[in-house]
Amino acid sequence: MRSTWTDSRLDDLKDRIDSRLDDLSERIGDLSGRVDAQSGRIDALQHAILLVGGGMLAAFVGVLAAMIGLIATQL
């Protein structure tokens, strides 16, 4: 084992670390793009859930009003 580091060995180590950090930065950028794409899909799903839920609520209120009207006319 060497007990000292030469300048060339330190430069090699620096180059390897820089290379790995560049790779890591690229992978993080790719991951960020994938997260953004998923965010768009989640927004679309939330919109669909609100539309369906609103439609069901409106239908329920309509049926309830019809039932109340039917009961009121039969009394």
PDB file of N, CA and C in Angstrom:
ATOM      1  N   MET A   1       0.825  -1.179   0.000  1.00  0.00           N
ATOM      2  CA  MET A   1       0.000   0.000   0.000  1.00  0.00           C
ATOM      3  C   MET A   1       0.874   1.250   0.000  1.00  0.00           C
ATOM      4  N   ARG A   2       0.445   2.173  -0.787  1.00  0.00           N
ATOM      5  CA  ARG A   2       1.159   3.445  -0.788  1.00  0.00           C
ATOM      6  C   ARG A   2       0.649   4.296   0.360  1.00  0.00           C
ATOM      7  N   SER A   3       1.522   5.011   0.948  1.00  0.00           N
ATOM      8  CA  SER A   3       1.115   5.886   2.044  1.00  0.00           C
ATOM      9  C   SER A   3       0.948   7.328   1.579  1.00  0.00           C
ATOM     10  N   THR A   4       1.333   7.599   0.341  1.00  0.00           N
ATOM     11  CA  THR A   4       1.183   8.959  -0.188  1.00  0.00           C
ATOM     12  C   THR A   4       0.490   8.894  -1.537  1.00  0.00           C
ATOM     13  N   TRP A   5      -0.113   9.990  -1.895  1.00  0.00           N
ATOM     14  CA  TRP A   5      -0.797  10.104  -3.179  1.00  0.00           C
ATOM     15  C   TRP A   5       0.011  11.053  -4.060  1.00  0.00           C
ATOM     16  N   THR A   6       0.261  10.594  -5.274  1.00  0.00           N
ATOM     17  CA  THR A   6       0.971  11.464  -6.217  1.00  0.00           C
ATOM     18  C   THR A   6      -0.051  12.369  -6.905  1.00  0.00           C
ATOM     19  N   ASP A   7       0.461  13.404  -7.521  1.00  0.00           N
ATOM     20  CA  ASP A   7      -0.435  14.336  -8.219  1.00  0.00           C
ATOM     21  C   ASP A   7      -1.217  13.637  -9.324  1.00  0.00           C
ATOM     22  N   SER A   8      -0.576  12.721 -10.039  1.00  0.00           N
ATOM     23  CA  SER A   8      -1.269  12.036 -11.133  1.00  0.00           C
ATOM     24  C   SER A   8      -2.379  11.126 -10.595  1.00  0.00           C
ATOM     25  N   ARG A   9      -2.126  10.499  -9.454  1.00  0.00           N
ATOM     26  CA  ARG A   9      -3.165   9.654  -8.859  1.00  0.00           C
ATOM     27  C   ARG A   9      -4.333  10.506  -8.366  1.00  0.00           C
ATOM     28  N   LEU A  10      -4.036  11.646  -7.794  1.00  0.00           N
ATOM     29  CA  LEU A  10      -5.103  12.543  -7.347  1.00  0.00           C
ATOM     30  C   LEU A  10      -5.903  13.066  -8.532  1.00  0.00           C
ATOM     31  N   ASP A  11      -5.209  13.368  -9.640  1.00  0.00           N
ATOM     32  CA  ASP A  11      -5.908  13.822 -10.843  1.00  0.00           C
ATOM     33  C   ASP A  11      -6.804  12.714 -11.397  1.00  0.00           C
ATOM     34  N   ASP A  12      -6.332  11.469 -11.378  1.00  0.00           N
ATOM     35  CA  ASP A  12      -7.149  10.338 -11.832  1.00  0.00           C
ATOM     36  C   ASP A  12      -8.383  10.180 -10.952  1.00  0.00           C
ATOM     37  N   LEU A  13      -8.187  10.302  -9.658  1.00  0.00           N
ATOM     38  CA  LEU A  13      -9.309  10.192  -8.730  1.00  0.00           C
ATOM     39  C   LEU A  13     -10.324  11.304  -8.980  1.00  0.00           C
ATOM     40  N   LYS A  14      -9.830  12.510  -9.182  1.00  0.00           N
ATOM     41  CA  LYS A  14     -10.712  13.637  -9.464  1.00  0.00           C
ATOM     42  C   LYS A  14     -11.494  13.397 -10.749  1.00  0.00           C
ATOM     43  N   ASP A  15     -10.837  12.891 -11.778  1.00  0.00           N
ATOM     44  CA  ASP A  15     -11.509  12.626 -13.052  1.00  0.00           C
ATOM     45  C   ASP A  15     -12.589  11.558 -12.895  1.00  0.00           C
ATOM     46  N   ARG A  16     -12.303  10.515 -12.129  1.00  0.00           N
ATOM     47  CA  ARG A  16     -13.309   9.465 -11.900  1.00  0.00           C
ATOM     48  C   ARG A  16     -14.491  10.004 -11.123  1.00  0.00           C
ATOM     49  N   ILE A  17     -14.221  10.800 -10.112  1.00  0.00           N
ATOM     50  CA  ILE A  17     -15.309  11.379  -9.314  1.00  0.00           C
ATOM     51  C   ILE A  17     -16.148  12.317 -10.171  1.00  0.00           C
ATOM     52  N   ASP A  18     -15.489  13.149 -10.982  1.00  0.00           N
ATOM     53  CA  ASP A  18     -16.230  14.047 -11.874  1.00  0.00           C
ATOM     54  C   ASP A  18     -17.106  13.260 -12.855  1.00  0.00           C
ATOM     55  N   SER A  19     -16.568  12.169 -13.383  1.00  0.00           N
ATOM     56  CA  SER A  19     -17.323  11.339 -14.321  1.00  0.00           C
ATOM     57  C   SER A  19     -18.555  10.747 -13.644  1.00  0.00           C
ATOM     58  N   ARG A  20     -18.377  10.252 -12.452  1.00  0.00           N
ATOM     59  CA  ARG A  20     -19.510   9.657 -11.730  1.00  0.00           C
ATOM     60  C   ARG A  20     -20.541  10.712 -11.348  1.00  0.00           C
ATOM     61  N   LEU A  21     -20.078  11.894 -10.975  1.00  0.00           N
ATOM     62  CA  LEU A  21     -21.022  12.961 -10.638  1.00  0.00           C
ATOM     63  C   LEU A  21     -21.805  13.409 -11.872  1.00  0.00           C
ATOM     64  N   ASP A  22     -21.141  13.429 -13.037  1.00  0.00           N
ATOM     65  CA  ASP A  22     -21.845  13.765 -14.275  1.00  0.00           C
ATOM     66  C   ASP A  22     -22.911  12.713 -14.586  1.00  0.00           C
ATOM     67  N   ASP A  23     -22.559  11.434 -14.398  1.00  0.00           N
ATOM     68  CA  ASP A  23     -23.537  10.359 -14.611  1.00  0.00           C
ATOM     69  C   ASP A  23     -24.712  10.496 -13.648  1.00  0.00           C
ATOM     70  N   LEU A  24     -24.420  10.797 -12.406  1.00  0.00           N
ATOM     71  CA  LEU A  24     -25.470  10.966 -11.407  1.00  0.00           C
ATOM     72  C   LEU A  24     -26.366  12.147 -11.753  1.00  0.00           C
ATOM     73  N   SER A  25     -25.771  13.228 -12.196  1.00  0.00           N
ATOM     74  CA  SER A  25     -26.553  14.402 -12.593  1.00  0.00           C
ATOM     75  C   SER A  25     -27.474  14.074 -13.761  1.00  0.00           C
ATOM     76  N   GLU A  26     -26.995  13.296 -14.715  1.00  0.00           N
ATOM     77  CA  GLU A  26     -27.808  12.899 -15.860  1.00  0.00           C
ATOM     78  C   GLU A  26     -28.969  12.002 -15.414  1.00  0.00           C
ATOM     79  N   ARG A  27     -28.700  11.073 -14.520  1.00  0.00           N
ATOM     80  CA  ARG A  27     -29.758  10.183 -14.032  1.00  0.00           C
ATOM     81  C   ARG A  27     -30.802  10.957 -13.243  1.00  0.00           C
ATOM     82  N   ILE A  28     -30.383  11.940 -12.471  1.00  0.00           N
ATOM     83  CA  ILE A  28     -31.332  12.755 -11.713  1.00  0.00           C
ATOM     84  C   ILE A  28     -32.190  13.575 -12.675  1.00  0.00           C
ATOM     85  N   GLY A  29     -31.596  14.072 -13.741  1.00  0.00           N
ATOM     86  CA  GLY A  29     -32.361  14.796 -14.749  1.00  0.00           C
ATOM     87  C   GLY A  29     -33.407  13.912 -15.410  1.00  0.00           C
ATOM     88  N   ASP A  30     -33.031  12.665 -15.721  1.00  0.00           N
ATOM     89  CA  ASP A  30     -33.987  11.717 -16.303  1.00  0.00           C
ATOM     90  C   ASP A  30     -35.129  11.435 -15.327  1.00  0.00           C
ATOM     91  N   LEU A  31     -34.785  11.258 -14.071  1.00  0.00           N
ATOM     92  CA  LEU A  31     -35.793  10.986 -13.047  1.00  0.00           C
ATOM     93  C   LEU A  31     -36.740  12.169 -12.892  1.00  0.00           C
ATOM     94  N   SER A  32     -36.205  13.357 -12.965  1.00  0.00           N
ATOM     95  CA  SER A  32     -37.038  14.559 -12.860  1.00  0.00           C
ATOM     96  C   SER A  32     -38.048  14.614 -14.002  1.00  0.00           C
ATOM     97  N   GLY A  33     -37.626  14.262 -15.186  1.00  0.00           N
ATOM     98  CA  GLY A  33     -38.536  14.228 -16.332  1.00  0.00           C
ATOM     99  C   GLY A  33     -39.636  13.198 -16.152  1.00  0.00           C
ATOM    100  N   ARG A  34     -39.283  12.036 -15.613  1.00  0.00           N
ATOM    101  CA  ARG A  34     -40.288  11.001 -15.384  1.00  0.00           C
ATOM    102  C   ARG A  34     -41.277  11.428 -14.318  1.00  0.00           C
ATOM    103  N   VAL A  35     -40.808  12.093 -13.273  1.00  0.00           N
ATOM    104  CA  VAL A  35     -41.701  12.574 -12.217  1.00  0.00           C
ATOM    105  C   VAL A  35     -42.662  13.616 -12.773  1.00  0.00           C
ATOM    106  N   ASP A  36     -42.167  14.505 -13.623  1.00  0.00           N
ATOM    107  CA  ASP A  36     -43.031  15.511 -14.242  1.00  0.00           C
ATOM    108  C   ASP A  36     -44.115  14.855 -15.095  1.00  0.00           C
ATOM    109  N   ALA A  37     -43.764  13.803 -15.829  1.00  0.00           N
ATOM    110  CA  ALA A  37     -44.739  13.098 -16.657  1.00  0.00           C
ATOM    111  C   ALA A  37     -45.804  12.446 -15.782  1.00  0.00           C
ATOM    112  N   GLN A  38     -45.396  11.851 -14.675  1.00  0.00           N
ATOM    113  CA  GLN A  38     -46.362  11.230 -13.768  1.00  0.00           C
ATOM    114  C   GLN A  38     -47.261  12.278 -13.140  1.00  0.00           C
ATOM    115  N   SER A  39     -46.718  13.444 -12.861  1.00  0.00           N
ATOM    116  CA  SER A  39     -47.510  14.517 -12.272  1.00  0.00           C
ATOM    117  C   SER A  39     -48.639  14.914 -13.212  1.00  0.00           C
ATOM    118  N   GLY A  40     -48.376  14.966 -14.495  1.00  0.00           N
ATOM    119  CA  GLY A  40     -49.408  15.286 -15.471  1.00  0.00           C
ATOM    120  C   GLY A  40     -50.501  14.235 -15.505  1.00  0.00           C
ATOM    121  N   ARG A  41     -50.110  12.973 -15.395  1.00  0.00           N
ATOM    122  CA  ARG A  41     -51.100  11.899 -15.388  1.00  0.00           C
ATOM    123  C   ARG A  41     -51.957  11.963 -14.128  1.00  0.00           C
ATOM    124  N   ILE A  42     -51.347  12.278 -13.008  1.00  0.00           N
ATOM    125  CA  ILE A  42     -52.095  12.377 -11.757  1.00  0.00           C
ATOM    126  C   ILE A  42     -53.084  13.536 -11.826  1.00  0.00           C
ATOM    127  N   ASP A  43     -52.671  14.651 -12.419  1.00  0.00           N
ATOM    128  CA  ASP A  43     -53.579  15.788 -12.575  1.00  0.00           C
ATOM    129  C   ASP A  43     -54.778  15.412 -13.442  1.00  0.00           C
ATOM    130  N   ALA A  44     -54.540  14.669 -14.512  1.00  0.00           N
ATOM    131  CA  ALA A  44     -55.637  14.238 -15.388  1.00  0.00           C
ATOM    132  C   ALA A  44     -56.576  13.291 -14.643  1.00  0.00           C
ATOM    133  N   LEU A  45     -56.018  12.396 -13.842  1.00  0.00           N
ATOM    134  CA  LEU A  45     -56.841  11.471 -13.061  1.00  0.00           C
ATOM    135  C   LEU A  45     -57.679  12.223 -12.036  1.00  0.00           C
ATOM    136  N   GLN A  46     -57.092  13.195 -11.382  1.00  0.00           N
ATOM    137  CA  GLN A  46     -57.832  13.984 -10.403  1.00  0.00           C
ATOM    138  C   GLN A  46     -58.979  14.731 -11.080  1.00  0.00           C
ATOM    139  N   HIS A  47     -58.744  15.257 -12.261  1.00  0.00           N
ATOM    140  CA  HIS A  47     -59.788  15.957 -13.009  1.00  0.00           C
ATOM    141  C   HIS A  47     -60.938  14.997 -13.336  1.00  0.00           C
ATOM    142  N   ALA A  48     -60.603  13.794 -13.785  1.00  0.00           N
ATOM    143  CA  ALA A  48     -61.634  12.808 -14.117  1.00  0.00           C
ATOM    144  C   ALA A  48     -62.430  12.409 -12.877  1.00  0.00           C
ATOM    145  N   ILE A  49     -61.754  12.244 -11.752  1.00  0.00           N
ATOM    146  CA  ILE A  49     -62.447  11.883 -10.507  1.00  0.00           C
ATOM    147  C   ILE A  49     -63.421  12.984 -10.106  1.00  0.00           C
ATOM    148  N   LEU A  50     -63.012  14.228 -10.230  1.00  0.00           N
ATOM    149  CA  LEU A  50     -63.907  15.331  -9.882  1.00  0.00           C
ATOM    150  C   LEU A  50     -65.113  15.387 -10.816  1.00  0.00           C
ATOM    151  N   LEU A  51     -64.903  15.155 -12.099  1.00  0.00           N
ATOM    152  CA  LEU A  51     -66.023  15.160 -13.036  1.00  0.00           C
ATOM    153  C   LEU A  51     -67.014  14.041 -12.738  1.00  0.00           C
ATOM    154  N   VAL A  52     -66.523  12.852 -12.531  1.00  0.00           N
ATOM    155  CA  VAL A  52     -67.403  11.715 -12.255  1.00  0.00           C
ATOM    156  C   VAL A  52     -68.114  11.911 -10.917  1.00  0.00           C
ATOM    157  N   GLY A  53     -67.377  12.343  -9.903  1.00  0.00           N
ATOM    158  CA  GLY A  53     -67.985  12.576  -8.596  1.00  0.00           C
ATOM    159  C   GLY A  53     -69.041  13.662  -8.649  1.00  0.00           C
ATOM    160  N   GLY A  54     -68.781  14.735  -9.382  1.00  0.00           N
ATOM    161  CA  GLY A  54     -69.761  15.805  -9.533  1.00  0.00           C
ATOM    162  C   GLY A  54     -71.007  15.324 -10.257  1.00  0.00           C
ATOM    163  N   GLY A  55     -70.815  14.522 -11.280  1.00  0.00           N
ATOM    164  CA  GLY A  55     -71.955  13.960 -12.013  1.00  0.00           C
ATOM    165  C   GLY A  55     -72.797  13.050 -11.135  1.00  0.00           C
ATOM    166  N   MET A  56     -72.125  12.229 -10.341  1.00  0.00           N
ATOM    167  CA  MET A  56     -72.863  11.336  -9.441  1.00  0.00           C
ATOM    168  C   MET A  56     -73.615  12.128  -8.378  1.00  0.00           C
ATOM    169  N   LEU A  57     -73.018  13.183  -7.864  1.00  0.00           N
ATOM    170  CA  LEU A  57     -73.686  14.017  -6.872  1.00  0.00           C
ATOM    171  C   LEU A  57     -74.909  14.689  -7.482  1.00  0.00           C
ATOM    172  N   ALA A  58     -74.777  15.200  -8.689  1.00  0.00           N
ATOM    173  CA  ALA A  58     -75.909  15.838  -9.356  1.00  0.00           C
ATOM    174  C   ALA A  58     -77.026  14.823  -9.600  1.00  0.00           C
ATOM    175  N   ALA A  59     -76.671  13.608 -10.006  1.00  0.00           N
ATOM    176  CA  ALA A  59     -77.677  12.561 -10.225  1.00  0.00           C
ATOM    177  C   ALA A  59     -78.366  12.204  -8.918  1.00  0.00           C
ATOM    178  N   PHE A  60     -77.630  12.112  -7.839  1.00  0.00           N
ATOM    179  CA  PHE A  60     -78.207  11.789  -6.533  1.00  0.00           C
ATOM    180  C   PHE A  60     -79.186  12.877  -6.094  1.00  0.00           C
ATOM    181  N   VAL A  61     -78.803  14.132  -6.270  1.00  0.00           N
ATOM    182  CA  VAL A  61     -79.687  15.246  -5.902  1.00  0.00           C
ATOM    183  C   VAL A  61     -80.943  15.201  -6.761  1.00  0.00           C
ATOM    184  N   GLY A  62     -80.825  14.888  -8.046  1.00  0.00           N
ATOM    185  CA  GLY A  62     -81.988  14.778  -8.928  1.00  0.00           C
ATOM    186  C   GLY A  62     -82.927  13.668  -8.501  1.00  0.00           C
ATOM    187  N   VAL A  63     -82.370  12.506  -8.184  1.00  0.00           N
ATOM    188  CA  VAL A  63     -83.201  11.388  -7.727  1.00  0.00           C
ATOM    189  C   VAL A  63     -83.866  11.732  -6.404  1.00  0.00           C
ATOM    190  N   LEU A  64     -83.165  12.349  -5.502  1.00  0.00           N
ATOM    191  CA  LEU A  64     -83.731  12.741  -4.217  1.00  0.00           C
ATOM    192  C   LEU A  64     -84.867  13.740  -4.407  1.00  0.00           C
ATOM    193  N   ALA A  65     -84.685  14.693  -5.285  1.00  0.00           N
ATOM    194  CA  ALA A  65     -85.741  15.679  -5.562  1.00  0.00           C
ATOM    195  C   ALA A  65     -86.962  14.991  -6.175  1.00  0.00           C
ATOM    196  N   ALA A  66     -86.727  14.033  -7.067  1.00  0.00           N
ATOM    197  CA  ALA A  66     -87.843  13.302  -7.676  1.00  0.00           C
ATOM    198  C   ALA A  66     -88.595  12.501  -6.626  1.00  0.00           C
ATOM    199  N   MET A  67     -87.879  11.868  -5.714  1.00  0.00           N
ATOM    200  CA  MET A  67     -88.529  11.089  -4.649  1.00  0.00           C
ATOM    201  C   MET A  67     -89.340  12.000  -3.736  1.00  0.00           C
ATOM    202  N   ILE A  68     -88.787  13.142  -3.370  1.00  0.00           N
ATOM    203  CA  ILE A  68     -89.515  14.087  -2.514  1.00  0.00           C
ATOM    204  C   ILE A  68     -90.756  14.595  -3.241  1.00  0.00           C
ATOM    205  N   GLY A  69     -90.636  14.878  -4.529  1.00  0.00           N
ATOM    206  CA  GLY A  69     -91.779  15.327  -5.312  1.00  0.00           C
ATOM    207  C   GLY A  69     -92.862  14.255  -5.391  1.00  0.00           C
ATOM    208  N   LEU A  70     -92.449  13.015  -5.578  1.00  0.00           N
ATOM    209  CA  LEU A  70     -93.405  11.912  -5.657  1.00  0.00           C
ATOM    210  C   LEU A  70     -94.133  11.733  -4.332  1.00  0.00           C
ATOM    211  N   ILE A  71     -93.401  11.776  -3.249  1.00  0.00           N
ATOM    212  CA  ILE A  71     -94.000  11.636  -1.928  1.00  0.00           C
ATOM    213  C   ILE A  71     -94.960  12.804  -1.661  1.00  0.00           C
ATOM    214  N   ALA A  72     -94.577  14.006  -2.019  1.00  0.00           N
ATOM    215  CA  ALA A  72     -95.414  15.194  -1.767  1.00  0.00           C
ATOM    216  C   ALA A  72     -96.703  15.138  -2.571  1.00  0.00           C
ATOM    217  N   THR A  73     -96.674  14.596  -3.772  1.00  0.00           N
ATOM    218  CA  THR A  73     -97.890  14.534  -4.583  1.00  0.00           C
ATOM    219  C   THR A  73     -98.807  13.390  -4.156  1.00  0.00           C
ATOM    220  N   GLN A  74     -98.297  12.421  -3.460  1.00  0.00           N
ATOM    221  CA  GLN A  74     -99.118  11.286  -3.036  1.00  0.00           C
ATOM    222  C   GLN A  74     -99.799  11.532  -1.692  1.00  0.00           C
ATOM    223  N   LEU A  75     -99.407  12.571  -0.977  1.00  0.00           N
ATOM    224  CA  LEU A  75    -100.015  12.843   0.332  1.00  0.00           C
ATOM    225  C   LEU A  75    -101.269  13.615   0.261  1.00  0.00           C
TER     226      LEU A  75
END
